[in-house]
Amino acid sequence: MHDPNMRKFHGRLDRIQRIHAAGGGFEADGTIGMSHYSARRRREQGSRLPSIFLMVIAFIFVFKAAMHVAIGAEAYDLRVAVLRAGTDVDRAGALLMAPDPFTLFLADKIRTALG
């Protein structure tokens, strides 16, 4: 025979386990509980986007400089010219890959580092 009180008891235990799995529960005053860590995590998520954006921009400049060093200035300029003569997507790539002063500065630094 099944006891209805045990069904309620197990239902309450399941509810408590779901609340704990979601990060809820009792926190005593003066302790660092789950709310401290989840609030900190929410604060840090907003600050990741600018750093990711800066990392992508830095990677693009370093990639352009490395390509400039690897294939040479004349070949690099020729490839950018070929991109300028292509489709709309190619022209966008030519704008992105065009040698700018910062890329040329990085390319010179890479050349001197490699010897």
Protein backbone atom coordinates (compact mmCIF):
# COMPACT_ATOMS: atom_id res chain seq x y z
CA MET A 1 0.00 0.00 0.00
CA HIS A 2 1.32 3.44 -0.97
CA ASP A 3 1.37 6.22 1.61
CA PRO A 4 0.16 9.62 0.22
CA ASN A 5 2.35 11.44 2.75
CA MET A 6 5.46 9.81 1.28
CA ARG A 7 4.43 11.05 -2.18
CA LYS A 8 4.24 14.62 -0.82
CA PHE A 9 7.57 14.14 0.96
CA HIS A 10 9.34 12.93 -2.20
CA GLY A 11 7.72 15.73 -4.20
CA ARG A 12 9.11 18.29 -1.74
CA LEU A 13 12.57 16.69 -1.92
CA ASP A 14 12.47 16.89 -5.74
CA ARG A 15 11.50 20.57 -5.54
CA ILE A 16 14.35 21.32 -3.14
CA GLN A 17 16.87 19.53 -5.35
CA ARG A 18 15.72 21.51 -8.41
CA ILE A 19 16.05 24.78 -6.47
CA HIS A 20 19.55 23.85 -5.30
CA ALA A 21 20.58 22.80 -8.80
CA ALA A 22 19.43 26.21 -10.09
CA GLY A 23 21.58 27.95 -7.47
CA GLY A 24 18.90 28.80 -4.94
CA GLY A 25 18.75 27.97 -1.29
CA PHE A 26 19.29 29.37 2.15
CA GLU A 27 22.21 31.71 2.75
CA ALA A 28 23.08 32.85 6.24
CA ASP A 29 23.89 36.52 6.83
CA GLY A 30 27.57 37.32 6.55
CA THR A 31 28.43 34.34 4.36
CA ILE A 32 29.45 34.30 0.72
CA GLY A 33 26.84 32.13 -0.92
CA MET A 34 25.71 31.35 -4.44
CA SER A 35 24.14 34.80 -4.93
CA HIS A 36 27.58 36.39 -4.55
CA TYR A 37 29.08 34.28 -7.31
CA SER A 38 26.14 34.50 -9.70
CA ALA A 39 25.98 38.31 -9.31
CA ARG A 40 29.69 38.52 -10.05
CA ARG A 41 29.28 36.30 -13.10
CA ARG A 42 26.49 38.54 -14.44
CA ARG A 43 28.66 41.63 -13.96
CA GLU A 44 31.62 40.08 -15.80
CA GLN A 45 29.60 38.98 -18.83
CA GLY A 46 29.08 42.56 -19.94
CA SER A 47 32.79 43.30 -19.89
CA ARG A 48 33.79 40.40 -22.16
CA LEU A 49 32.42 41.83 -25.39
CA PRO A 50 34.83 44.78 -25.71
CA SER A 51 37.83 42.60 -24.92
CA ILE A 52 36.78 40.01 -27.51
CA PHE A 53 36.30 42.79 -30.05
CA LEU A 54 39.78 44.18 -29.33
CA MET A 55 41.31 40.71 -29.61
CA VAL A 56 39.72 40.21 -33.04
CA ILE A 57 41.00 43.61 -34.23
CA ALA A 58 44.49 42.82 -32.92
CA PHE A 59 44.44 39.43 -34.65
CA ILE A 60 43.48 41.06 -37.96
CA PHE A 61 46.38 43.52 -37.75
CA VAL A 62 48.90 40.84 -36.79
CA PHE A 63 47.60 38.54 -39.54
CA LYS A 64 47.92 41.29 -42.15
CA ALA A 65 51.45 42.11 -40.98
CA ALA A 66 52.47 38.44 -41.02
CA MET A 67 51.10 38.03 -44.55
CA HIS A 68 52.95 41.18 -45.61
CA VAL A 69 56.20 39.75 -44.27
CA ALA A 70 55.63 36.22 -45.60
CA ILE A 71 54.84 37.01 -49.23
CA GLY A 72 56.57 40.39 -49.58
CA ALA A 73 55.29 43.89 -50.15
CA GLU A 74 54.96 43.68 -53.94
CA ALA A 75 53.06 40.39 -53.95
CA TYR A 76 50.83 41.60 -51.11
CA ASP A 77 49.93 44.78 -53.00
CA LEU A 78 49.26 42.73 -56.15
CA ARG A 79 46.88 40.42 -54.28
CA VAL A 80 45.01 43.37 -52.77
CA ALA A 81 44.73 44.88 -56.28
CA VAL A 82 43.25 41.61 -57.56
CA LEU A 83 40.72 41.72 -54.73
CA ARG A 84 39.78 45.31 -55.63
CA ALA A 85 38.93 44.17 -59.18
CA GLY A 86 36.62 41.38 -57.98
CA THR A 87 33.06 41.16 -56.72
CA ASP A 88 31.54 43.18 -53.89
CA VAL A 89 32.75 40.66 -51.33
CA ASP A 90 36.25 40.78 -52.81
CA ARG A 91 36.25 44.59 -52.65
CA ALA A 92 35.25 44.41 -48.97
CA GLY A 93 38.15 42.03 -48.42
CA ALA A 94 40.45 44.46 -50.23
CA LEU A 95 39.36 47.25 -47.87
CA LEU A 96 40.04 45.03 -44.90
CA MET A 97 43.38 43.72 -46.14
CA ALA A 98 44.75 47.00 -47.53
CA PRO A 99 48.10 47.86 -45.94
CA ASP A 100 47.69 50.67 -43.44
CA PRO A 101 50.45 52.44 -41.45
CA PHE A 102 49.97 50.28 -38.35
CA THR A 103 50.17 47.07 -40.38
CA LEU A 104 53.36 48.28 -42.07
CA PHE A 105 54.80 49.20 -38.66
CA LEU A 106 54.01 45.70 -37.33
CA ALA A 107 55.47 44.13 -40.47
CA ASP A 108 58.74 46.04 -39.95
CA LYS A 109 58.87 44.88 -36.31
CA ILE A 110 58.27 41.27 -37.36
CA ARG A 111 60.99 41.53 -40.06
CA THR A 112 63.52 42.85 -37.54
CA ALA A 113 62.55 40.15 -35.03
CA LEU A 114 63.03 37.43 -37.62
CA GLY A 115 66.31 38.91 -38.84
